[in-house]
Amino acid sequence: MAKVQETVLEIDLQALSQNYTFLRSKISQNTQFMAVVKAFGYGSGAIEVAKHLESLDVDYFAVAYSSEGVALRDAGIKTPIMVLHPLPIHFEEIIERCLEPSLYNVKTLKAFIDASEKKGQKEYPIHLKFNTGLNRLGFWENDANLIAEKLEETSAVKVVSLLSHLAASEDPKEMDFSSRQITTFKKVTEEFHQKMGYRPMLHMCNTSGILNYPEAHFDMVRSGIGLYGFGNDVKFQNKLKPVASLKTIISQLHKIEPGESVGYNRAYTAIGHETVATLPIGHADGISRIYGNGNGAVFVHGKKAPIVGNVCMDMVMVNVSDIDCKEGDEVVIFDSKHTAEALAENAGTISYELITSISQRIKRVFLP
């Protein structure tokens, strides 16, 4: 593979296929798979990722907001798309673009019914989300009567799935809590069936739920972070491969004297004679200030180079005193060996935050 000459985010589509195949192997043939491609495909490029997954016959896509779904439709994606956090102002657009809202309270249900009736819809597909303990979005257990009442008054919409979200499926210390969530979801969905007389699809599991709670796979599972190569558990990590590699180059080398400072606010002072490399990437690109002052490091010719001083908007400086390198040499910020997860953990955050923060001004290169 050619060395990079600028800052790029390489996306390995073979790794994406591998991750999808592994996660698919953990569910039954009758269980559908919803691929989560929100947040610009977790930073990787939603359109290219979705097109690749569509070629692998994924059953559903999920996005956070309607604009993300519209972008996929504009790119020619035909697979059903669920909008996880739809807002009433976008309901007409959702209908026009054949997106499917996940409705989460009586207000949004009523508003979407009104929009569907206004558009002359019949049995437009909707999803209902129930709060079983995450306490973020979702109907309450005791909303069943109100839901049934609203649905019985209209033929404009049809519930195609009921869903919830596990709050701590990756944490073995929270197994009892997760089990209670699953029990609550079963109770709520059975009550819906009794009141409405039909059974929509049920889905509750995220990536860690797929791996840790097979009893909760139901009719469909949802995976986001797992598709991009992170399993939230070391025992699964060798089965998954990070799809994204962030690389850049050395723009300039500086030889500095003992006592000289580096960067804004003179945040780093050289102890001895040191060599500092400046890289063309900064917090405007997603490498936030938390990685400065030794909290983060990059790799030059496989050797670790700590970030020194404060991260600038468009640049970072790294200590390469013990590395034989020159201007123009390739630098790895994260890849499948030096993972985004490790970089994030060292700075006290998580891989999700780091990979979804990579700016869209960074060039994406897709490897077949």
Protein backbone atom coordinates (compact mmCIF):
# COMPACT_ATOMS: atom_id res chain seq x y z
CA MET A 1 0.00 0.00 0.00
CA ALA A 2 1.37 3.42 -0.98
CA LYS A 3 2.50 5.75 1.75
CA VAL A 4 0.21 8.71 2.32
CA GLN A 5 1.20 12.24 1.32
CA GLU A 6 -1.50 14.06 3.30
CA THR A 7 -3.87 13.41 6.17
CA VAL A 8 -6.28 10.62 5.20
CA LEU A 9 -8.74 8.26 6.83
CA GLU A 10 -8.46 4.89 5.13
CA ILE A 11 -11.58 2.69 5.29
CA ASP A 12 -11.03 -1.03 4.84
CA LEU A 13 -14.21 -2.43 3.27
CA GLN A 14 -12.92 -5.99 3.61
CA ALA A 15 -12.72 -5.44 7.37
CA LEU A 16 -16.29 -4.14 7.29
CA SER A 17 -17.39 -7.33 5.52
CA GLN A 18 -15.49 -9.44 8.05
CA ASN A 19 -17.12 -7.68 11.00
CA TYR A 20 -20.59 -7.99 9.50
CA THR A 21 -20.07 -11.70 8.78
CA PHE A 22 -18.89 -12.35 12.34
CA LEU A 23 -21.78 -10.48 13.95
CA ARG A 24 -24.26 -12.15 11.57
CA SER A 25 -22.89 -15.53 12.67
CA LYS A 26 -24.00 -14.78 16.23
CA ILE A 27 -27.69 -14.57 15.35
CA SER A 28 -30.12 -17.02 13.81
CA GLN A 29 -30.87 -17.06 10.10
CA ASN A 30 -34.36 -15.79 10.84
CA THR A 31 -33.16 -12.77 12.82
CA GLN A 32 -32.82 -9.56 10.81
CA PHE A 33 -29.79 -7.28 11.02
CA MET A 34 -30.02 -3.50 11.32
CA ALA A 35 -26.77 -1.68 10.54
CA VAL A 36 -26.34 1.64 12.33
CA VAL A 37 -24.73 4.20 10.02
CA LYS A 38 -25.48 7.39 11.94
CA ALA A 39 -22.87 10.07 12.60
CA PHE A 40 -21.44 9.84 9.07
CA GLY A 41 -21.13 6.07 9.41
CA TYR A 42 -19.34 6.41 12.76
CA GLY A 43 -16.95 8.76 11.01
CA SER A 44 -16.16 6.37 8.17
CA GLY A 45 -18.48 7.73 5.46
CA ALA A 46 -22.13 6.75 5.68
CA ILE A 47 -22.88 6.50 1.98
CA GLU A 48 -19.94 4.27 1.06
CA VAL A 49 -20.45 2.11 4.16
CA ALA A 50 -24.18 1.77 3.49
CA LYS A 51 -23.63 0.88 -0.16
CA HIS A 52 -21.17 -1.83 0.83
CA LEU A 53 -23.47 -3.25 3.50
CA GLU A 54 -26.42 -3.11 1.11
CA SER A 55 -24.39 -5.29 -1.26
CA LEU A 56 -24.08 -7.78 1.62
CA ASP A 57 -27.90 -7.85 1.97
CA VAL A 58 -28.22 -6.10 5.31
CA ASP A 59 -31.92 -5.91 6.27
CA TYR A 60 -32.23 -2.39 7.69
CA PHE A 61 -30.25 0.76 8.28
CA ALA A 62 -30.53 3.09 11.25
CA VAL A 63 -29.62 6.77 11.38
CA ALA A 64 -30.04 9.31 14.16
CA TYR A 65 -31.68 12.15 12.26
CA SER A 66 -33.77 12.49 9.13
CA SER A 67 -31.07 14.46 7.27
CA GLU A 68 -28.80 11.40 7.49
CA GLY A 69 -31.54 9.24 5.99
CA VAL A 70 -32.18 11.75 3.21
CA ALA A 71 -28.48 11.67 2.29
CA LEU A 72 -28.64 7.89 1.95
CA ARG A 73 -31.77 8.05 -0.19
CA ASP A 74 -30.13 10.70 -2.39
CA ALA A 75 -27.22 8.30 -2.84
CA GLY A 76 -29.54 5.56 -4.08
CA ILE A 77 -29.91 3.42 -0.95
CA LYS A 78 -33.14 1.39 -1.23
CA THR A 79 -32.96 -0.65 2.00
CA PRO A 80 -35.41 0.39 4.77
CA ILE A 81 -34.03 3.16 6.98
CA MET A 82 -35.17 3.76 10.56
CA VAL A 83 -34.67 7.23 12.06
CA LEU A 84 -33.75 6.78 15.71
CA HIS A 85 -34.43 10.33 16.89
CA PRO A 86 -36.95 11.94 14.55
CA LEU A 87 -38.18 15.45 15.26
CA PRO A 88 -41.73 16.60 14.39
CA ILE A 89 -40.48 19.40 12.15
CA HIS A 90 -39.08 16.73 9.81
CA PHE A 91 -42.07 14.36 9.72
CA GLU A 92 -43.26 15.41 6.26
CA GLU A 93 -39.75 15.02 4.89
CA ILE A 94 -39.51 11.57 6.49
CA ILE A 95 -42.65 10.48 4.66
CA GLU A 96 -41.57 12.04 1.36
CA ARG A 97 -38.25 10.19 1.49
CA CYS A 98 -39.67 6.84 2.66
CA LEU A 99 -37.88 6.88 6.00
CA GLU A 100 -39.32 5.12 9.06
CA PRO A 101 -39.50 7.00 12.37
CA SER A 102 -38.83 5.51 15.79
CA LEU A 103 -41.49 7.31 17.83
CA TYR A 104 -40.88 7.68 21.53
CA ASN A 105 -43.82 9.40 23.23
CA VAL A 106 -47.49 10.18 22.70
CA LYS A 107 -46.70 13.66 21.37
CA THR A 108 -44.52 12.34 18.53
CA LEU A 109 -46.99 9.52 17.79
CA LYS A 110 -49.89 11.98 17.46
CA ALA A 111 -47.82 14.36 15.36
CA PHE A 112 -46.69 11.63 13.00
CA ILE A 113 -50.23 10.30 12.62
CA ASP A 114 -51.36 13.84 11.73
CA ALA A 115 -48.57 14.19 9.17
CA SER A 116 -49.37 10.77 7.67
CA GLU A 117 -53.08 11.54 7.39
CA LYS A 118 -52.28 14.89 5.80
CA LYS A 119 -50.15 13.08 3.22
CA GLY A 120 -52.91 10.51 2.56
CA GLN A 121 -50.83 7.58 3.81
CA LYS A 122 -52.15 4.09 4.53
CA GLU A 123 -50.30 1.88 7.03
CA TYR A 124 -47.12 3.93 6.85
CA PRO A 125 -44.40 1.96 8.73
CA ILE A 126 -43.52 3.29 12.17
CA HIS A 127 -41.46 1.94 15.08
CA LEU A 128 -42.28 2.47 18.76
CA LYS A 129 -39.48 2.77 21.29
CA PHE A 130 -40.01 1.83 24.95
CA ASN A 131 -37.88 3.03 27.83
CA THR A 132 -36.83 0.03 29.92
CA GLY A 133 -34.12 1.68 31.99
CA LEU A 134 -31.83 3.79 29.82
CA ASN A 135 -34.07 6.80 30.57
CA ARG A 136 -33.19 8.63 27.39
CA LEU A 137 -36.03 8.22 24.87
CA GLY A 138 -39.07 5.98 24.95
CA PHE A 139 -42.66 5.38 25.93
CA TRP A 140 -43.32 4.29 29.48
CA GLU A 141 -44.73 0.87 30.33
CA ASN A 142 -48.10 2.36 31.25
CA ASP A 143 -48.46 4.16 27.88
CA ALA A 144 -49.91 1.05 26.23
CA ASN A 145 -53.53 2.16 26.54
CA LEU A 146 -52.83 5.61 25.08
CA ILE A 147 -50.86 4.07 22.22
CA ALA A 148 -53.63 1.61 21.44
CA GLU A 149 -56.23 4.37 21.53
CA LYS A 150 -54.31 6.52 19.05
CA LEU A 151 -53.58 3.62 16.69
CA GLU A 152 -57.18 2.40 16.69
CA GLU A 153 -58.33 5.82 15.50
CA THR A 154 -56.31 5.76 12.27
CA SER A 155 -55.29 3.58 9.34
CA ALA A 156 -52.58 6.02 8.27
CA VAL A 157 -49.79 4.23 10.16
CA LYS A 158 -48.84 0.67 11.06
CA VAL A 159 -46.39 -0.40 13.77
CA VAL A 160 -43.74 -2.58 12.16
CA SER A 161 -41.48 -2.91 15.20
CA LEU A 162 -41.22 -2.34 18.92
CA LEU A 163 -37.77 -1.59 20.30
CA SER A 164 -35.81 -0.73 23.39
CA HIS A 165 -32.15 -0.19 24.21
CA LEU A 166 -29.91 -2.01 26.68
CA ALA A 167 -28.11 0.46 28.93
CA ALA A 168 -25.06 -1.60 29.96
CA SER A 169 -24.90 -4.71 27.81
CA GLU A 170 -21.08 -4.61 27.71
CA ASP A 171 -20.73 -4.59 31.53
CA PRO A 172 -20.76 -8.02 33.25
CA LYS A 173 -21.41 -6.27 36.57
CA GLU A 174 -24.76 -5.07 35.22
CA MET A 175 -26.14 -8.44 34.06
CA ASP A 176 -29.02 -8.29 36.56
CA PHE A 177 -30.00 -4.83 35.33
CA SER A 178 -29.85 -5.95 31.70
CA SER A 179 -31.95 -9.02 32.50
CA ARG A 180 -34.57 -6.80 34.14
CA GLN A 181 -34.63 -4.62 31.04
CA ILE A 182 -35.21 -7.68 28.86
CA THR A 183 -38.00 -8.91 31.14
CA THR A 184 -39.66 -5.49 31.09
CA PHE A 185 -39.46 -5.35 27.30
CA LYS A 186 -41.06 -8.76 26.96
CA LYS A 187 -43.88 -7.68 29.26
CA VAL A 188 -44.50 -4.43 27.38
CA THR A 189 -44.47 -6.03 23.96
CA GLU A 190 -46.81 -8.82 25.03
CA GLU A 191 -49.24 -6.22 26.33
CA PHE A 192 -49.06 -4.44 22.97
CA HIS A 193 -49.85 -7.71 21.20
CA GLN A 194 -52.83 -8.34 23.45
CA LYS A 195 -54.25 -4.87 22.85
CA MET A 196 -53.57 -4.60 19.13
CA GLY A 197 -53.95 -8.21 18.02
CA TYR A 198 -50.77 -8.45 15.96
CA ARG A 199 -47.04 -8.88 16.61
CA PRO A 200 -44.60 -6.35 15.16
CA MET A 201 -40.89 -7.17 14.99
CA LEU A 202 -39.03 -6.84 18.29
CA HIS A 203 -35.48 -5.57 18.67
CA MET A 204 -33.39 -4.57 21.65
CA CYS A 205 -29.76 -5.67 21.22
CA ASN A 206 -26.89 -3.41 20.30
CA THR A 207 -23.43 -4.82 19.47
CA SER A 208 -22.68 -5.93 23.03
CA GLY A 209 -26.22 -7.28 23.33
CA ILE A 210 -25.66 -9.41 20.22
CA LEU A 211 -22.54 -10.88 21.80
CA ASN A 212 -23.69 -11.20 25.40
CA TYR A 213 -27.50 -11.66 25.42
CA PRO A 214 -28.60 -14.19 22.77
CA GLU A 215 -31.91 -14.57 24.61
CA ALA A 216 -32.72 -10.99 23.60
CA HIS A 217 -32.01 -11.22 19.87
CA PHE A 218 -35.76 -11.42 19.14
CA ASP A 219 -36.65 -10.61 15.50
CA MET A 220 -33.86 -8.14 14.74
CA VAL A 221 -30.60 -6.83 16.22
CA ARG A 222 -28.86 -3.49 15.77
CA SER A 223 -25.11 -3.04 15.42
CA GLY A 224 -23.10 0.12 15.16
CA ILE A 225 -19.67 0.06 16.80
CA GLY A 226 -19.16 -3.66 16.11
CA LEU A 227 -19.41 -3.13 12.37
CA TYR A 228 -16.58 -0.64 12.62
CA GLY A 229 -14.37 -3.10 14.49
CA PHE A 230 -14.90 -2.65 18.22
CA GLY A 231 -16.53 -5.29 20.41
CA ASN A 232 -16.36 -3.61 23.83
CA ASP A 233 -14.74 -6.81 25.15
CA VAL A 234 -11.24 -8.20 24.69
CA LYS A 235 -12.57 -11.72 24.13
CA PHE A 236 -14.28 -10.58 20.94
CA GLN A 237 -11.67 -8.12 19.72
CA ASN A 238 -9.67 -10.69 17.74
CA LYS A 239 -12.83 -11.48 15.76
CA LEU A 240 -13.35 -7.86 14.77
CA LYS A 241 -11.05 -5.56 12.82
CA PRO A 242 -11.15 -1.77 13.02
CA VAL A 243 -12.12 -0.50 9.58
CA ALA A 244 -10.59 2.96 9.87
CA SER A 245 -6.93 3.98 9.83
CA LEU A 246 -6.06 7.63 10.40
CA LYS A 247 -2.73 8.59 8.88
CA THR A 248 -0.84 11.80 8.26
CA ILE A 249 2.70 13.01 7.53
CA ILE A 250 5.46 15.01 9.16
CA SER A 251 5.26 18.58 7.86
CA GLN A 252 8.34 19.90 9.63
CA LEU A 253 11.00 18.85 12.13
CA HIS A 254 12.35 21.21 14.79
CA LYS A 255 15.53 20.76 16.79
CA ILE A 256 14.96 22.49 20.10
CA GLU A 257 17.26 23.33 22.99
CA PRO A 258 16.79 22.52 26.69
CA GLY A 259 14.28 24.92 28.22
CA GLU A 260 12.62 25.87 24.92
CA SER A 261 8.86 25.62 24.84
CA VAL A 262 6.50 24.12 22.26
CA GLY A 263 3.11 25.40 21.14
CA TYR A 264 0.41 27.62 22.58
CA ASN A 265 0.72 28.74 26.19
CA ARG A 266 4.20 27.19 26.28
CA ALA A 267 2.52 24.03 27.55
CA TYR A 268 5.60 21.86 26.96
CA THR A 269 9.20 22.64 27.84
CA ALA A 270 12.09 20.55 26.52
CA ILE A 271 14.16 18.77 29.14
CA GLY A 272 17.15 18.31 26.87
CA HIS A 273 18.02 18.54 23.19
CA GLU A 274 14.90 17.23 21.46
CA THR A 275 13.38 16.80 18.02
CA VAL A 276 9.73 17.77 17.59
CA ALA A 277 7.65 16.93 14.52
CA THR A 278 4.69 19.02 13.44
CA LEU A 279 1.74 17.12 11.90
CA PRO A 280 -1.05 18.63 9.73
CA ILE A 281 -3.98 17.57 11.91
CA GLY A 282 -5.58 19.19 14.94
CA HIS A 283 -8.67 19.61 17.05
CA ALA A 284 -10.65 20.89 14.06
CA ASP A 285 -10.02 17.44 12.57
CA GLY A 286 -11.19 15.52 15.64
CA ILE A 287 -7.96 15.15 17.58
CA SER A 288 -9.19 17.14 20.52
CA ARG A 289 -7.19 18.96 23.15
CA ILE A 290 -7.57 16.08 25.60
CA TYR A 291 -4.87 14.23 23.63
CA GLY A 292 -2.30 16.95 24.23
CA ASN A 293 0.47 17.07 26.82
CA GLY A 294 1.32 13.38 26.66
CA ASN A 295 -2.22 12.03 26.90
CA GLY A 296 -2.02 10.83 23.32
CA ALA A 297 0.65 9.46 21.04
CA VAL A 298 1.15 8.63 17.36
CA PHE A 299 3.40 6.11 15.66
CA VAL A 300 6.27 6.89 13.31
CA HIS A 301 7.90 3.86 11.69
CA GLY A 302 6.16 1.76 14.34
CA LYS A 303 7.65 3.73 17.23
CA LYS A 304 5.61 5.70 19.72
CA ALA A 305 5.81 9.49 19.56
CA PRO A 306 3.98 11.31 22.40
CA ILE A 307 1.99 14.46 21.65
CA VAL A 308 3.70 17.42 23.30
CA GLY A 309 2.10 20.68 24.28
CA ASN A 310 -1.45 21.69 23.46
CA VAL A 311 -3.19 20.37 20.38
CA CYS A 312 -3.71 23.26 17.95
CA MET A 313 -6.69 23.72 15.64
CA ASP A 314 -4.86 22.37 12.58
CA MET A 315 -1.63 20.91 13.97
CA VAL A 316 -0.14 18.74 16.67
CA MET A 317 3.48 18.43 17.70
CA VAL A 318 5.03 15.11 18.71
CA ASN A 319 8.34 14.15 20.25
CA VAL A 320 10.44 12.13 17.78
CA SER A 321 13.78 12.56 19.50
CA ASP A 322 14.43 8.81 19.55
CA ILE A 323 13.02 8.07 16.09
CA ASP A 324 14.96 8.19 12.83
CA CYS A 325 12.55 10.11 10.59
CA LYS A 326 12.36 12.94 8.10
CA GLU A 327 9.86 15.46 6.81
CA GLY A 328 7.22 13.79 4.63
CA ASP A 329 7.36 10.47 6.51
CA GLU A 330 4.07 8.72 7.24
CA VAL A 331 2.55 8.91 10.72
CA VAL A 332 -0.13 6.55 12.06
CA ILE A 333 -2.57 8.08 14.52
CA PHE A 334 -4.67 4.93 14.75
CA ASP A 335 -5.17 1.76 12.72
CA SER A 336 -5.96 -1.90 13.32
CA LYS A 337 -2.72 -2.38 15.29
CA HIS A 338 -2.56 0.91 17.18
CA THR A 339 -6.28 1.20 17.76
CA ALA A 340 -8.54 4.19 18.24
CA GLU A 341 -9.80 2.42 21.33
CA ALA A 342 -6.33 2.43 22.91
CA LEU A 343 -5.72 6.06 22.00
CA ALA A 344 -9.09 7.08 23.42
CA GLU A 345 -8.67 5.11 26.65
CA ASN A 346 -5.29 6.73 27.33
CA ALA A 347 -7.01 10.11 27.20
CA GLY A 348 -9.97 9.06 29.35
CA THR A 349 -12.59 8.75 26.63
CA ILE A 350 -14.02 6.05 24.35
CA SER A 351 -13.50 4.90 20.77
CA TYR A 352 -17.02 6.06 19.78
CA GLU A 353 -16.15 9.67 20.56
CA LEU A 354 -12.82 9.61 18.76
CA ILE A 355 -13.88 7.94 15.51
CA THR A 356 -17.10 9.94 15.14
CA SER A 357 -15.19 13.18 15.71
CA ILE A 358 -12.93 12.82 12.69
CA SER A 359 -13.72 15.87 10.58
CA GLN A 360 -15.25 15.51 7.16
CA ARG A 361 -12.52 17.81 5.84
CA ILE A 362 -10.18 14.82 6.16
CA LYS A 363 -10.05 12.86 2.93
CA ARG A 364 -11.63 9.39 3.08
CA VAL A 365 -9.94 6.67 1.02
CA PHE A 366 -11.90 3.43 0.58
CA LEU A 367 -9.90 0.25 0.22
CA PRO A 368 -11.78 -2.52 -1.66
